[in-house]
Amino acid sequence: MRKVDMKTYLDNPETYELRNGNRSDAPDCPYGNKYEWIGYDLEAKEYVRFTKSVFKLLISNTFKA
């Protein structure tokens, strides 16, 4: 699975979204478990891994009250 770093994300942030890992089409982690959250590339139509900095940014934006 491709990894997306902060520079790649900031070049085109509307291309990526954070999805719940319990979706039926979401891949399992390498250990056979489900991801809690997983990235998705809307243009390439594939799941991606975000670096920690991108993930933290997306999580903070997702759960703002």
C-alpha atoms as a PDB file:
ATOM      1  CA  MET A   1       0.000   0.000   0.000  1.00  0.00           C
ATOM      2  CA  ARG A   2       1.364   3.401  -0.993  1.00  0.00           C
ATOM      3  CA  LYS A   3       2.321   5.844   1.785  1.00  0.00           C
ATOM      4  CA  VAL A   4       1.314   9.513   1.529  1.00  0.00           C
ATOM      5  CA  ASP A   5       3.534  12.049   3.303  1.00  0.00           C
ATOM      6  CA  MET A   6       2.681  15.633   4.271  1.00  0.00           C
ATOM      7  CA  LYS A   7       4.194  17.214   1.134  1.00  0.00           C
ATOM      8  CA  THR A   8       2.213  14.897  -1.147  1.00  0.00           C
ATOM      9  CA  TYR A   9      -0.948  15.504   0.851  1.00  0.00           C
ATOM     10  CA  LEU A  10      -0.588  19.301   0.874  1.00  0.00           C
ATOM     11  CA  ASP A  11       0.017  19.366  -2.900  1.00  0.00           C
ATOM     12  CA  ASN A  12      -3.541  18.156  -3.432  1.00  0.00           C
ATOM     13  CA  PRO A  13      -5.471  17.637  -0.162  1.00  0.00           C
ATOM     14  CA  GLU A  14      -8.880  17.249  -1.820  1.00  0.00           C
ATOM     15  CA  THR A  15      -7.599  14.051  -3.443  1.00  0.00           C
ATOM     16  CA  TYR A  16      -7.420  12.200  -0.121  1.00  0.00           C
ATOM     17  CA  GLU A  17      -9.918  11.279   2.555  1.00  0.00           C
ATOM     18  CA  LEU A  18      -9.887   9.387   5.817  1.00  0.00           C
ATOM     19  CA  ARG A  19     -12.217   6.386   5.885  1.00  0.00           C
ATOM     20  CA  ASN A  20     -13.377   4.036   8.589  1.00  0.00           C
ATOM     21  CA  GLY A  21     -11.395   0.807   8.380  1.00  0.00           C
ATOM     22  CA  ASN A  22     -14.498  -1.312   8.990  1.00  0.00           C
ATOM     23  CA  ARG A  23     -15.801  -0.716   5.469  1.00  0.00           C
ATOM     24  CA  SER A  24     -16.259  -3.926   3.522  1.00  0.00           C
ATOM     25  CA  ASP A  25     -13.800  -2.855   0.808  1.00  0.00           C
ATOM     26  CA  ALA A  26     -11.087  -1.680   3.244  1.00  0.00           C
ATOM     27  CA  PRO A  27      -7.926  -3.806   3.339  1.00  0.00           C
ATOM     28  CA  ASP A  28      -6.738  -5.624   6.436  1.00  0.00           C
ATOM     29  CA  CYS A  29      -3.547  -4.554   8.148  1.00  0.00           C
ATOM     30  CA  PRO A  30      -0.468  -6.756   7.584  1.00  0.00           C
ATOM     31  CA  TYR A  31      -1.291  -8.652  10.801  1.00  0.00           C
ATOM     32  CA  GLY A  32      -4.764  -9.643   9.589  1.00  0.00           C
ATOM     33  CA  ASN A  33      -6.691  -7.115  11.686  1.00  0.00           C
ATOM     34  CA  LYS A  34      -8.899  -4.265  10.505  1.00  0.00           C
ATOM     35  CA  TYR A  35      -7.529  -0.732  10.458  1.00  0.00           C
ATOM     36  CA  GLU A  36      -9.501   1.659  12.642  1.00  0.00           C
ATOM     37  CA  TRP A  37      -8.883   4.413  10.055  1.00  0.00           C
ATOM     38  CA  ILE A  38      -7.427   4.158   6.568  1.00  0.00           C
ATOM     39  CA  GLY A  39      -6.622   6.700   3.876  1.00  0.00           C
ATOM     40  CA  TYR A  40      -8.191   6.694   0.437  1.00  0.00           C
ATOM     41  CA  ASP A  41      -6.985   8.322  -2.789  1.00  0.00           C
ATOM     42  CA  LEU A  42     -10.075   9.506  -4.677  1.00  0.00           C
ATOM     43  CA  GLU A  43      -8.247   9.948  -8.001  1.00  0.00           C
ATOM     44  CA  ALA A  44      -6.388   6.635  -8.046  1.00  0.00           C
ATOM     45  CA  LYS A  45      -9.325   4.886  -6.332  1.00  0.00           C
ATOM     46  CA  GLU A  46      -7.045   3.017  -3.950  1.00  0.00           C
ATOM     47  CA  TYR A  47      -6.416   2.797  -0.246  1.00  0.00           C
ATOM     48  CA  VAL A  48      -3.245   4.473   1.036  1.00  0.00           C
ATOM     49  CA  ARG A  49      -1.360   4.801   4.302  1.00  0.00           C
ATOM     50  CA  PHE A  50      -0.823   8.277   5.718  1.00  0.00           C
ATOM     51  CA  THR A  51       2.289   9.290   7.607  1.00  0.00           C
ATOM     52  CA  LYS A  52       1.698  10.114  11.257  1.00  0.00           C
ATOM     53  CA  SER A  53       1.695  13.881  10.612  1.00  0.00           C
ATOM     54  CA  VAL A  54      -0.977  13.630   7.888  1.00  0.00           C
ATOM     55  CA  PHE A  55      -3.062  11.232   9.967  1.00  0.00           C
ATOM     56  CA  LYS A  56      -2.965  13.562  12.993  1.00  0.00           C
ATOM     57  CA  LEU A  57      -4.004  16.502  10.808  1.00  0.00           C
ATOM     58  CA  LEU A  58      -6.945  14.587   9.321  1.00  0.00           C
ATOM     59  CA  ILE A  59      -8.081  13.182  12.677  1.00  0.00           C
ATOM     60  CA  SER A  60      -8.042  16.645  14.260  1.00  0.00           C
ATOM     61  CA  ASN A  61     -10.073  18.032  11.344  1.00  0.00           C
ATOM     62  CA  THR A  62     -12.527  15.115  11.429  1.00  0.00           C
ATOM     63  CA  PHE A  63     -13.350  15.415  15.116  1.00  0.00           C
ATOM     64  CA  LYS A  64     -13.459  19.191  15.590  1.00  0.00           C
ATOM     65  CA  ALA A  65     -16.451  20.128  17.681  1.00  0.00           C
END
